[in-house]
Amino acid sequence: MKFPANGNHDTVYLHTELSERLLERLCQNVGGNNQISDLQLSLFDHSSTRLRSSRISNASELSVEGLKVLRGHRLLELEIQDLANATVSDVIDDCLGKYVGDAMEGISEN
């Protein structure tokens, strides 16, 4: 999420801990069913947020295209639950950057 700073054209970024907490809370509170959508996940573009460890508690509505927002982050850990519209291979091959594949400490699908 980008917010213009007061008085100039600089941009404000959400730091890692705040970005990760916001994603976790969003996954917990979406429409009472805990499902996050591609549109909501798109808020976490790497140009304005930072993610290192992410937990998506209900990914049943997410597509491969929506998960591609993760590509720009240098994730070290990723947990995705209820992945219905993509496979773990899709996530690794299409949604995570090369750096992530080489550096990731853990990936789990529940």
PDB file of N, CA and C in Angstrom:
ATOM      1  N   MET A   1       0.827  -1.159   0.000  1.00  0.00           N
ATOM      2  CA  MET A   1       0.000   0.000   0.000  1.00  0.00           C
ATOM      3  C   MET A   1       0.876   1.228   0.000  1.00  0.00           C
ATOM      4  N   LYS A   2       0.632   2.111  -0.930  1.00  0.00           N
ATOM      5  CA  LYS A   2       1.400   3.337  -1.011  1.00  0.00           C
ATOM      6  C   LYS A   2       0.565   4.500  -0.516  1.00  0.00           C
ATOM      7  N   PHE A   3       1.210   5.353   0.226  1.00  0.00           N
ATOM      8  CA  PHE A   3       0.569   6.549   0.701  1.00  0.00           C
ATOM      9  C   PHE A   3       1.501   7.713   0.413  1.00  0.00           C
ATOM     10  N   PRO A   4       1.041   8.740  -0.322  1.00  0.00           N
ATOM     11  CA  PRO A   4       1.926   9.880  -0.552  1.00  0.00           C
ATOM     12  C   PRO A   4       2.231  10.593   0.758  1.00  0.00           C
ATOM     13  N   ALA A   5       3.464  10.965   0.924  1.00  0.00           N
ATOM     14  CA  ALA A   5       3.855  11.708   2.116  1.00  0.00           C
ATOM     15  C   ALA A   5       3.345  13.136   2.000  1.00  0.00           C
ATOM     16  N   ASN A   6       3.126  13.761   3.105  1.00  0.00           N
ATOM     17  CA  ASN A   6       2.634  15.142   3.098  1.00  0.00           C
ATOM     18  C   ASN A   6       3.669  16.076   2.489  1.00  0.00           C
ATOM     19  N   GLY A   7       3.218  16.926   1.576  1.00  0.00           N
ATOM     20  CA  GLY A   7       4.060  17.986   1.071  1.00  0.00           C
ATOM     21  C   GLY A   7       5.025  17.628  -0.044  1.00  0.00           C
ATOM     22  N   ASN A   8       5.165  16.380  -0.417  1.00  0.00           N
ATOM     23  CA  ASN A   8       6.051  16.044  -1.533  1.00  0.00           C
ATOM     24  C   ASN A   8       5.561  14.767  -2.204  1.00  0.00           C
ATOM     25  N   HIS A   9       6.336  14.261  -3.136  1.00  0.00           N
ATOM     26  CA  HIS A   9       5.913  13.098  -3.913  1.00  0.00           C
ATOM     27  C   HIS A   9       6.568  11.806  -3.459  1.00  0.00           C
ATOM     28  N   ASP A  10       7.215  11.810  -2.288  1.00  0.00           N
ATOM     29  CA  ASP A  10       7.802  10.580  -1.754  1.00  0.00           C
ATOM     30  C   ASP A  10       6.694   9.595  -1.410  1.00  0.00           C
ATOM     31  N   THR A  11       7.063   8.345  -1.316  1.00  0.00           N
ATOM     32  CA  THR A  11       6.097   7.305  -1.023  1.00  0.00           C
ATOM     33  C   THR A  11       6.398   6.676   0.327  1.00  0.00           C
ATOM     34  N   VAL A  12       5.360   6.309   1.042  1.00  0.00           N
ATOM     35  CA  VAL A  12       5.497   5.635   2.323  1.00  0.00           C
ATOM     36  C   VAL A  12       5.216   4.149   2.108  1.00  0.00           C
ATOM     37  N   TYR A  13       6.030   3.292   2.694  1.00  0.00           N
ATOM     38  CA  TYR A  13       5.878   1.856   2.562  1.00  0.00           C
ATOM     39  C   TYR A  13       5.514   1.248   3.910  1.00  0.00           C
ATOM     40  N   LEU A  14       4.794   0.125   3.874  1.00  0.00           N
ATOM     41  CA  LEU A  14       4.512  -0.618   5.096  1.00  0.00           C
ATOM     42  C   LEU A  14       5.658  -1.596   5.338  1.00  0.00           C
ATOM     43  N   HIS A  15       6.251  -1.547   6.516  1.00  0.00           N
ATOM     44  CA  HIS A  15       7.387  -2.426   6.796  1.00  0.00           C
ATOM     45  C   HIS A  15       6.923  -3.876   6.958  1.00  0.00           C
ATOM     46  N   THR A  16       7.866  -4.760   7.050  1.00  0.00           N
ATOM     47  CA  THR A  16       7.614  -6.198   7.011  1.00  0.00           C
ATOM     48  C   THR A  16       6.630  -6.664   8.072  1.00  0.00           C
ATOM     49  N   GLU A  17       6.884  -6.346   9.321  1.00  0.00           N
ATOM     50  CA  GLU A  17       6.021  -6.846  10.396  1.00  0.00           C
ATOM     51  C   GLU A  17       4.580  -6.355  10.229  1.00  0.00           C
ATOM     52  N   LEU A  18       4.418  -5.096   9.883  1.00  0.00           N
ATOM     53  CA  LEU A  18       3.075  -4.551   9.695  1.00  0.00           C
ATOM     54  C   LEU A  18       2.391  -5.199   8.491  1.00  0.00           C
ATOM     55  N   SER A  19       3.110  -5.390   7.411  1.00  0.00           N
ATOM     56  CA  SER A  19       2.548  -6.041   6.224  1.00  0.00           C
ATOM     57  C   SER A  19       2.093  -7.461   6.531  1.00  0.00           C
ATOM     58  N   GLU A  20       2.931  -8.204   7.244  1.00  0.00           N
ATOM     59  CA  GLU A  20       2.600  -9.589   7.579  1.00  0.00           C
ATOM     60  C   GLU A  20       1.398  -9.671   8.520  1.00  0.00           C
ATOM     61  N   ARG A  21       1.338  -8.789   9.495  1.00  0.00           N
ATOM     62  CA  ARG A  21       0.191  -8.778  10.416  1.00  0.00           C
ATOM     63  C   ARG A  21      -1.093  -8.389   9.693  1.00  0.00           C
ATOM     64  N   LEU A  22      -0.995  -7.421   8.798  1.00  0.00           N
ATOM     65  CA  LEU A  22      -2.164  -6.996   8.043  1.00  0.00           C
ATOM     66  C   LEU A  22      -2.689  -8.130   7.162  1.00  0.00           C
ATOM     67  N   LEU A  23      -1.796  -8.852   6.492  1.00  0.00           N
ATOM     68  CA  LEU A  23      -2.213  -9.988   5.670  1.00  0.00           C
ATOM     69  C   LEU A  23      -2.877 -11.059   6.533  1.00  0.00           C
ATOM     70  N   GLU A  24      -2.288 -11.348   7.665  1.00  0.00           N
ATOM     71  CA  GLU A  24      -2.859 -12.367   8.554  1.00  0.00           C
ATOM     72  C   GLU A  24      -4.251 -11.952   9.042  1.00  0.00           C
ATOM     73  N   ARG A  25      -4.403 -10.700   9.445  1.00  0.00           N
ATOM     74  CA  ARG A  25      -5.708 -10.221   9.906  1.00  0.00           C
ATOM     75  C   ARG A  25      -6.727 -10.215   8.781  1.00  0.00           C
ATOM     76  N   LEU A  26      -6.313  -9.841   7.599  1.00  0.00           N
ATOM     77  CA  LEU A  26      -7.213  -9.833   6.448  1.00  0.00           C
ATOM     78  C   LEU A  26      -7.709 -11.246   6.161  1.00  0.00           C
ATOM     79  N   CYS A  27      -6.816 -12.213   6.250  1.00  0.00           N
ATOM     80  CA  CYS A  27      -7.207 -13.613   6.031  1.00  0.00           C
ATOM     81  C   CYS A  27      -8.191 -14.089   7.105  1.00  0.00           C
ATOM     82  N   GLN A  28      -8.116 -13.548   8.286  1.00  0.00           N
ATOM     83  CA  GLN A  28      -8.992 -13.962   9.384  1.00  0.00           C
ATOM     84  C   GLN A  28     -10.360 -13.301   9.335  1.00  0.00           C
ATOM     85  N   ASN A  29     -10.458 -12.146   8.694  1.00  0.00           N
ATOM     86  CA  ASN A  29     -11.667 -11.344   8.836  1.00  0.00           C
ATOM     87  C   ASN A  29     -12.444 -11.092   7.547  1.00  0.00           C
ATOM     88  N   VAL A  30     -12.130 -11.743   6.473  1.00  0.00           N
ATOM     89  CA  VAL A  30     -12.789 -11.455   5.207  1.00  0.00           C
ATOM     90  C   VAL A  30     -14.178 -12.067   5.178  1.00  0.00           C
ATOM     91  N   GLY A  31     -15.193 -11.235   5.179  1.00  0.00           N
ATOM     92  CA  GLY A  31     -16.572 -11.678   5.007  1.00  0.00           C
ATOM     93  C   GLY A  31     -17.029 -12.769   5.952  1.00  0.00           C
ATOM     94  N   GLY A  32     -16.375 -12.936   7.066  1.00  0.00           N
ATOM     95  CA  GLY A  32     -16.783 -13.945   8.023  1.00  0.00           C
ATOM     96  C   GLY A  32     -16.413 -15.366   7.629  1.00  0.00           C
ATOM     97  N   ASN A  33     -15.871 -15.562   6.421  1.00  0.00           N
ATOM     98  CA  ASN A  33     -15.532 -16.922   5.995  1.00  0.00           C
ATOM     99  C   ASN A  33     -14.036 -17.140   5.841  1.00  0.00           C
ATOM    100  N   ASN A  34     -13.250 -16.143   6.200  1.00  0.00           N
ATOM    101  CA  ASN A  34     -11.788 -16.230   6.191  1.00  0.00           C
ATOM    102  C   ASN A  34     -11.175 -16.453   4.811  1.00  0.00           C
ATOM    103  N   GLN A  35     -11.909 -16.215   3.733  1.00  0.00           N
ATOM    104  CA  GLN A  35     -11.361 -16.381   2.393  1.00  0.00           C
ATOM    105  C   GLN A  35     -10.837 -15.049   1.879  1.00  0.00           C
ATOM    106  N   ILE A  36      -9.605 -15.037   1.406  1.00  0.00           N
ATOM    107  CA  ILE A  36      -9.021 -13.840   0.818  1.00  0.00           C
ATOM    108  C   ILE A  36      -9.117 -13.971  -0.701  1.00  0.00           C
ATOM    109  N   SER A  37      -9.360 -12.874  -1.378  1.00  0.00           N
ATOM    110  CA  SER A  37      -9.512 -12.894  -2.834  1.00  0.00           C
ATOM    111  C   SER A  37      -8.242 -12.387  -3.519  1.00  0.00           C
ATOM    112  N   ASP A  38      -8.173 -12.598  -4.825  1.00  0.00           N
ATOM    113  CA  ASP A  38      -7.050 -12.081  -5.610  1.00  0.00           C
ATOM    114  C   ASP A  38      -6.937 -10.568  -5.454  1.00  0.00           C
ATOM    115  N   LEU A  39      -8.065  -9.878  -5.470  1.00  0.00           N
ATOM    116  CA  LEU A  39      -8.065  -8.423  -5.346  1.00  0.00           C
ATOM    117  C   LEU A  39      -7.484  -7.981  -4.002  1.00  0.00           C
ATOM    118  N   GLN A  40      -7.886  -8.630  -2.940  1.00  0.00           N
ATOM    119  CA  GLN A  40      -7.369  -8.279  -1.617  1.00  0.00           C
ATOM    120  C   GLN A  40      -5.882  -8.594  -1.510  1.00  0.00           C
ATOM    121  N   LEU A  41      -5.457  -9.714  -2.062  1.00  0.00           N
ATOM    122  CA  LEU A  41      -4.038 -10.070  -2.016  1.00  0.00           C
ATOM    123  C   LEU A  41      -3.200  -9.095  -2.840  1.00  0.00           C
ATOM    124  N   SER A  42      -3.802  -8.500  -3.866  1.00  0.00           N
ATOM    125  CA  SER A  42      -3.059  -7.556  -4.711  1.00  0.00           C
ATOM    126  C   SER A  42      -2.619  -6.310  -3.943  1.00  0.00           C
ATOM    127  N   LEU A  43      -3.202  -6.055  -2.780  1.00  0.00           N
ATOM    128  CA  LEU A  43      -2.771  -4.938  -1.940  1.00  0.00           C
ATOM    129  C   LEU A  43      -1.334  -5.107  -1.466  1.00  0.00           C
ATOM    130  N   PHE A  44      -0.827  -6.339  -1.502  1.00  0.00           N
ATOM    131  CA  PHE A  44       0.493  -6.635  -0.972  1.00  0.00           C
ATOM    132  C   PHE A  44       1.558  -6.674  -2.071  1.00  0.00           C
ATOM    133  N   ASP A  45       1.469  -5.747  -2.981  1.00  0.00           N
ATOM    134  CA  ASP A  45       2.465  -5.594  -4.042  1.00  0.00           C
ATOM    135  C   ASP A  45       3.827  -5.289  -3.412  1.00  0.00           C
ATOM    136  N   HIS A  46       4.883  -5.872  -3.967  1.00  0.00           N
ATOM    137  CA  HIS A  46       6.213  -5.717  -3.366  1.00  0.00           C
ATOM    138  C   HIS A  46       6.752  -4.292  -3.423  1.00  0.00           C
ATOM    139  N   SER A  47       6.169  -3.446  -4.249  1.00  0.00           N
ATOM    140  CA  SER A  47       6.670  -2.075  -4.341  1.00  0.00           C
ATOM    141  C   SER A  47       6.250  -1.224  -3.148  1.00  0.00           C
ATOM    142  N   SER A  48       5.295  -1.716  -2.356  1.00  0.00           N
ATOM    143  CA  SER A  48       4.848  -0.908  -1.224  1.00  0.00           C
ATOM    144  C   SER A  48       4.713  -1.686   0.091  1.00  0.00           C
ATOM    145  N   THR A  49       4.894  -2.979   0.050  1.00  0.00           N
ATOM    146  CA  THR A  49       4.858  -3.799   1.261  1.00  0.00           C
ATOM    147  C   THR A  49       6.017  -4.787   1.232  1.00  0.00           C
ATOM    148  N   ARG A  50       6.328  -5.350   2.385  1.00  0.00           N
ATOM    149  CA  ARG A  50       7.389  -6.342   2.482  1.00  0.00           C
ATOM    150  C   ARG A  50       6.835  -7.557   3.226  1.00  0.00           C
ATOM    151  N   LEU A  51       7.041  -8.727   2.659  1.00  0.00           N
ATOM    152  CA  LEU A  51       6.650  -9.981   3.299  1.00  0.00           C
ATOM    153  C   LEU A  51       7.858 -10.901   3.334  1.00  0.00           C
ATOM    154  N   ARG A  52       8.116 -11.513   4.476  1.00  0.00           N
ATOM    155  CA  ARG A  52       9.176 -12.519   4.621  1.00  0.00           C
ATOM    156  C   ARG A  52       8.583 -13.867   5.021  1.00  0.00           C
ATOM    157  N   SER A  53       7.573 -13.816   5.858  1.00  0.00           N
ATOM    158  CA  SER A  53       6.905 -15.016   6.333  1.00  0.00           C
ATOM    159  C   SER A  53       5.413 -14.767   6.196  1.00  0.00           C
ATOM    160  N   SER A  54       4.738 -15.613   5.432  1.00  0.00           N
ATOM    161  CA  SER A  54       3.320 -15.371   5.176  1.00  0.00           C
ATOM    162  C   SER A  54       2.502 -16.620   5.429  1.00  0.00           C
ATOM    163  N   ARG A  55       1.323 -16.385   5.977  1.00  0.00           N
ATOM    164  CA  ARG A  55       0.376 -17.469   6.245  1.00  0.00           C
ATOM    165  C   ARG A  55      -0.965 -17.055   5.668  1.00  0.00           C
ATOM    166  N   ILE A  56      -1.431 -17.798   4.688  1.00  0.00           N
ATOM    167  CA  ILE A  56      -2.734 -17.556   4.083  1.00  0.00           C
ATOM    168  C   ILE A  56      -3.622 -18.699   4.544  1.00  0.00           C
ATOM    169  N   SER A  57      -4.546 -18.383   5.449  1.00  0.00           N
ATOM    170  CA  SER A  57      -5.292 -19.435   6.133  1.00  0.00           C
ATOM    171  C   SER A  57      -6.409 -20.054   5.304  1.00  0.00           C
ATOM    172  N   ASN A  58      -6.900 -19.375   4.279  1.00  0.00           N
ATOM    173  CA  ASN A  58      -7.915 -19.968   3.409  1.00  0.00           C
ATOM    174  C   ASN A  58      -7.725 -19.420   2.005  1.00  0.00           C
ATOM    175  N   ALA A  59      -7.025 -20.172   1.179  1.00  0.00           N
ATOM    176  CA  ALA A  59      -6.693 -19.741  -0.180  1.00  0.00           C
ATOM    177  C   ALA A  59      -7.645 -20.314  -1.218  1.00  0.00           C
ATOM    178  N   SER A  60      -8.813 -20.754  -0.798  1.00  0.00           N
ATOM    179  CA  SER A  60      -9.716 -21.442  -1.726  1.00  0.00           C
ATOM    180  C   SER A  60     -10.222 -20.544  -2.853  1.00  0.00           C
ATOM    181  N   GLU A  61     -10.184 -19.224  -2.674  1.00  0.00           N
ATOM    182  CA  GLU A  61     -10.629 -18.305  -3.717  1.00  0.00           C
ATOM    183  C   GLU A  61      -9.484 -17.733  -4.546  1.00  0.00           C
ATOM    184  N   LEU A  62      -8.246 -18.029  -4.174  1.00  0.00           N
ATOM    185  CA  LEU A  62      -7.090 -17.451  -4.872  1.00  0.00           C
ATOM    186  C   LEU A  62      -6.741 -18.239  -6.126  1.00  0.00           C
ATOM    187  N   SER A  63      -6.354 -17.503  -7.161  1.00  0.00           N
ATOM    188  CA  SER A  63      -5.912 -18.121  -8.413  1.00  0.00           C
ATOM    189  C   SER A  63      -4.391 -18.008  -8.518  1.00  0.00           C
ATOM    190  N   VAL A  64      -3.826 -18.680  -9.508  1.00  0.00           N
ATOM    191  CA  VAL A  64      -2.393 -18.567  -9.767  1.00  0.00           C
ATOM    192  C   VAL A  64      -2.050 -17.104 -10.051  1.00  0.00           C
ATOM    193  N   GLU A  65      -2.886 -16.427 -10.831  1.00  0.00           N
ATOM    194  CA  GLU A  65      -2.642 -15.016 -11.143  1.00  0.00           C
ATOM    195  C   GLU A  65      -2.613 -14.173  -9.880  1.00  0.00           C
ATOM    196  N   GLY A  66      -3.539 -14.383  -8.974  1.00  0.00           N
ATOM    197  CA  GLY A  66      -3.568 -13.633  -7.727  1.00  0.00           C
ATOM    198  C   GLY A  66      -2.360 -13.908  -6.849  1.00  0.00           C
ATOM    199  N   LEU A  67      -1.931 -15.157  -6.815  1.00  0.00           N
ATOM    200  CA  LEU A  67      -0.778 -15.538  -5.998  1.00  0.00           C
ATOM    201  C   LEU A  67       0.538 -14.996  -6.549  1.00  0.00           C
ATOM    202  N   LYS A  68       0.536 -14.559  -7.800  1.00  0.00           N
ATOM    203  CA  LYS A  68       1.761 -14.013  -8.395  1.00  0.00           C
ATOM    204  C   LYS A  68       2.240 -12.747  -7.700  1.00  0.00           C
ATOM    205  N   VAL A  69       1.381 -12.114  -6.897  1.00  0.00           N
ATOM    206  CA  VAL A  69       1.818 -10.947  -6.128  1.00  0.00           C
ATOM    207  C   VAL A  69       2.954 -11.330  -5.169  1.00  0.00           C
ATOM    208  N   LEU A  70       3.051 -12.601  -4.828  1.00  0.00           N
ATOM    209  CA  LEU A  70       4.110 -13.072  -3.927  1.00  0.00           C
ATOM    210  C   LEU A  70       5.479 -13.077  -4.594  1.00  0.00           C
ATOM    211  N   ARG A  71       5.512 -13.068  -5.919  1.00  0.00           N
ATOM    212  CA  ARG A  71       6.763 -13.172  -6.676  1.00  0.00           C
ATOM    213  C   ARG A  71       7.778 -12.098  -6.293  1.00  0.00           C
ATOM    214  N   GLY A  72       7.323 -10.901  -6.033  1.00  0.00           N
ATOM    215  CA  GLY A  72       8.242  -9.806  -5.746  1.00  0.00           C
ATOM    216  C   GLY A  72       8.785  -9.783  -4.329  1.00  0.00           C
ATOM    217  N   HIS A  73       8.278 -10.629  -3.466  1.00  0.00           N
ATOM    218  CA  HIS A  73       8.732 -10.670  -2.079  1.00  0.00           C
ATOM    219  C   HIS A  73       9.815 -11.725  -1.916  1.00  0.00           C
ATOM    220  N   ARG A  74      10.702 -11.494  -0.986  1.00  0.00           N
ATOM    221  CA  ARG A  74      11.746 -12.484  -0.682  1.00  0.00           C
ATOM    222  C   ARG A  74      11.291 -13.324   0.505  1.00  0.00           C
ATOM    223  N   LEU A  75      10.322 -14.169   0.231  1.00  0.00           N
ATOM    224  CA  LEU A  75       9.737 -15.000   1.279  1.00  0.00           C
ATOM    225  C   LEU A  75      10.724 -16.042   1.776  1.00  0.00           C
ATOM    226  N   LEU A  76      10.764 -16.207   3.073  1.00  0.00           N
ATOM    227  CA  LEU A  76      11.555 -17.267   3.681  1.00  0.00           C
ATOM    228  C   LEU A  76      10.668 -18.410   4.151  1.00  0.00           C
ATOM    229  N   GLU A  77       9.394 -18.094   4.374  1.00  0.00           N
ATOM    230  CA  GLU A  77       8.453 -19.101   4.835  1.00  0.00           C
ATOM    231  C   GLU A  77       7.070 -18.764   4.289  1.00  0.00           C
ATOM    232  N   LEU A  78       6.360 -19.793   3.835  1.00  0.00           N
ATOM    233  CA  LEU A  78       5.028 -19.605   3.281  1.00  0.00           C
ATOM    234  C   LEU A  78       4.157 -20.777   3.691  1.00  0.00           C
ATOM    235  N   GLU A  79       2.990 -20.454   4.248  1.00  0.00           N
ATOM    236  CA  GLU A  79       1.999 -21.478   4.562  1.00  0.00           C
ATOM    237  C   GLU A  79       0.709 -21.085   3.870  1.00  0.00           C
ATOM    238  N   ILE A  80       0.171 -22.008   3.080  1.00  0.00           N
ATOM    239  CA  ILE A  80      -1.085 -21.777   2.378  1.00  0.00           C
ATOM    240  C   ILE A  80      -2.019 -22.928   2.722  1.00  0.00           C
ATOM    241  N   GLN A  81      -3.194 -22.581   3.240  1.00  0.00           N
ATOM    242  CA  GLN A  81      -4.189 -23.596   3.578  1.00  0.00           C
ATOM    243  C   GLN A  81      -5.342 -23.525   2.589  1.00  0.00           C
ATOM    244  N   ASP A  82      -5.926 -24.677   2.316  1.00  0.00           N
ATOM    245  CA  ASP A  82      -7.108 -24.783   1.446  1.00  0.00           C
ATOM    246  C   ASP A  82      -6.860 -24.241   0.044  1.00  0.00           C
ATOM    247  N   LEU A  83      -5.733 -24.565  -0.520  1.00  0.00           N
ATOM    248  CA  LEU A  83      -5.397 -24.147  -1.878  1.00  0.00           C
ATOM    249  C   LEU A  83      -6.212 -24.974  -2.858  1.00  0.00           C
ATOM    250  N   ALA A  84      -7.181 -24.352  -3.536  1.00  0.00           N
ATOM    251  CA  ALA A  84      -8.115 -25.090  -4.378  1.00  0.00           C
ATOM    252  C   ALA A  84      -7.899 -24.860  -5.871  1.00  0.00           C
ATOM    253  N   ASN A  85      -7.415 -23.687  -6.269  1.00  0.00           N
ATOM    254  CA  ASN A  85      -7.341 -23.325  -7.680  1.00  0.00           C
ATOM    255  C   ASN A  85      -5.924 -23.335  -8.231  1.00  0.00           C
ATOM    256  N   ALA A  86      -5.007 -23.932  -7.496  1.00  0.00           N
ATOM    257  CA  ALA A  86      -3.612 -24.038  -7.925  1.00  0.00           C
ATOM    258  C   ALA A  86      -2.988 -25.211  -7.189  1.00  0.00           C
ATOM    259  N   THR A  87      -1.879 -25.674  -7.701  1.00  0.00           N
ATOM    260  CA  THR A  87      -1.136 -26.741  -7.043  1.00  0.00           C
ATOM    261  C   THR A  87       0.100 -26.142  -6.362  1.00  0.00           C
ATOM    262  N   VAL A  88       0.724 -26.914  -5.507  1.00  0.00           N
ATOM    263  CA  VAL A  88       1.967 -26.464  -4.888  1.00  0.00           C
ATOM    264  C   VAL A  88       3.003 -26.187  -5.976  1.00  0.00           C
ATOM    265  N   SER A  89       3.040 -27.023  -7.004  1.00  0.00           N
ATOM    266  CA  SER A  89       3.964 -26.794  -8.120  1.00  0.00           C
ATOM    267  C   SER A  89       3.677 -25.470  -8.815  1.00  0.00           C
ATOM    268  N   ASP A  90       2.397 -25.139  -9.015  1.00  0.00           N
ATOM    269  CA  ASP A  90       2.039 -23.843  -9.614  1.00  0.00           C
ATOM    270  C   ASP A  90       2.588 -22.699  -8.772  1.00  0.00           C
ATOM    271  N   VAL A  91       2.421 -22.803  -7.469  1.00  0.00           N
ATOM    272  CA  VAL A  91       2.886 -21.739  -6.576  1.00  0.00           C
ATOM    273  C   VAL A  91       4.394 -21.594  -6.673  1.00  0.00           C
ATOM    274  N   ILE A  92       5.111 -22.705  -6.612  1.00  0.00           N
ATOM    275  CA  ILE A  92       6.575 -22.654  -6.664  1.00  0.00           C
ATOM    276  C   ILE A  92       7.062 -22.163  -8.022  1.00  0.00           C
ATOM    277  N   ASP A  93       6.523 -22.710  -9.106  1.00  0.00           N
ATOM    278  CA  ASP A  93       7.009 -22.396 -10.447  1.00  0.00           C
ATOM    279  C   ASP A  93       6.552 -21.033 -10.957  1.00  0.00           C
ATOM    280  N   ASP A  94       5.304 -20.643 -10.678  1.00  0.00           N
ATOM    281  CA  ASP A  94       4.733 -19.447 -11.288  1.00  0.00           C
ATOM    282  C   ASP A  94       4.605 -18.264 -10.349  1.00  0.00           C
ATOM    283  N   CYS A  95       4.581 -18.498  -9.057  1.00  0.00           N
ATOM    284  CA  CYS A  95       4.244 -17.423  -8.122  1.00  0.00           C
ATOM    285  C   CYS A  95       5.389 -16.993  -7.223  1.00  0.00           C
ATOM    286  N   LEU A  96       6.445 -17.751  -7.186  1.00  0.00           N
ATOM    287  CA  LEU A  96       7.574 -17.398  -6.346  1.00  0.00           C
ATOM    288  C   LEU A  96       8.786 -17.139  -7.230  1.00  0.00           C
ATOM    289  N   GLY A  97       9.539 -16.114  -6.929  1.00  0.00           N
ATOM    290  CA  GLY A  97      10.722 -15.776  -7.715  1.00  0.00           C
ATOM    291  C   GLY A  97      11.857 -16.754  -7.481  1.00  0.00           C
ATOM    292  N   LYS A  98      12.868 -16.676  -8.325  1.00  0.00           N
ATOM    293  CA  LYS A  98      14.015 -17.568  -8.210  1.00  0.00           C
ATOM    294  C   LYS A  98      14.690 -17.443  -6.847  1.00  0.00           C
ATOM    295  N   TYR A  99      14.827 -16.229  -6.358  1.00  0.00           N
ATOM    296  CA  TYR A  99      15.446 -16.032  -5.047  1.00  0.00           C
ATOM    297  C   TYR A  99      14.710 -16.840  -3.987  1.00  0.00           C
ATOM    298  N   VAL A 100      13.412 -16.805  -4.039  1.00  0.00           N
ATOM    299  CA  VAL A 100      12.607 -17.489  -3.028  1.00  0.00           C
ATOM    300  C   VAL A 100      12.826 -18.991  -3.089  1.00  0.00           C
ATOM    301  N   GLY A 101      12.817 -19.548  -4.295  1.00  0.00           N
ATOM    302  CA  GLY A 101      13.023 -20.987  -4.438  1.00  0.00           C
ATOM    303  C   GLY A 101      14.350 -21.438  -3.870  1.00  0.00           C
ATOM    304  N   ASP A 102      15.377 -20.595  -4.017  1.00  0.00           N
ATOM    305  CA  ASP A 102      16.705 -20.940  -3.517  1.00  0.00           C
ATOM    306  C   ASP A 102      16.843 -20.722  -2.014  1.00  0.00           C
ATOM    307  N   ALA A 103      16.112 -19.748  -1.467  1.00  0.00           N
ATOM    308  CA  ALA A 103      16.335 -19.342  -0.080  1.00  0.00           C
ATOM    309  C   ALA A 103      15.260 -19.790   0.897  1.00  0.00           C
ATOM    310  N   MET A 104      14.141 -20.241   0.408  1.00  0.00           N
ATOM    311  CA  MET A 104      13.021 -20.536   1.293  1.00  0.00           C
ATOM    312  C   MET A 104      13.363 -21.647   2.281  1.00  0.00           C
ATOM    313  N   GLU A 105      13.011 -21.397   3.524  1.00  0.00           N
ATOM    314  CA  GLU A 105      13.264 -22.371   4.582  1.00  0.00           C
ATOM    315  C   GLU A 105      12.157 -23.400   4.675  1.00  0.00           C
ATOM    316  N   GLY A 106      10.930 -23.020   4.328  1.00  0.00           N
ATOM    317  CA  GLY A 106       9.846 -23.965   4.436  1.00  0.00           C
ATOM    318  C   GLY A 106       8.624 -23.533   3.647  1.00  0.00           C
ATOM    319  N   ILE A 107       7.942 -24.494   3.073  1.00  0.00           N
ATOM    320  CA  ILE A 107       6.662 -24.255   2.418  1.00  0.00           C
ATOM    321  C   ILE A 107       5.753 -25.392   2.829  1.00  0.00           C
ATOM    322  N   SER A 108       4.533 -25.060   3.204  1.00  0.00           N
ATOM    323  CA  SER A 108       3.628 -26.117   3.596  1.00  0.00           C
ATOM    324  C   SER A 108       2.265 -25.854   3.016  1.00  0.00           C
ATOM    325  N   GLU A 109       1.586 -26.934   2.710  1.00  0.00           N
ATOM    326  CA  GLU A 109       0.212 -26.866   2.215  1.00  0.00           C
ATOM    327  C   GLU A 109      -0.617 -27.717   3.151  1.00  0.00           C
ATOM    328  N   ASN A 110      -1.646 -27.125   3.705  1.00  0.00           N
ATOM    329  CA  ASN A 110      -2.532 -27.858   4.611  1.00  0.00           C
ATOM    330  C   ASN A 110      -3.889 -27.972   4.005  1.00  0.00           C
TER     331      ASN A 110
END
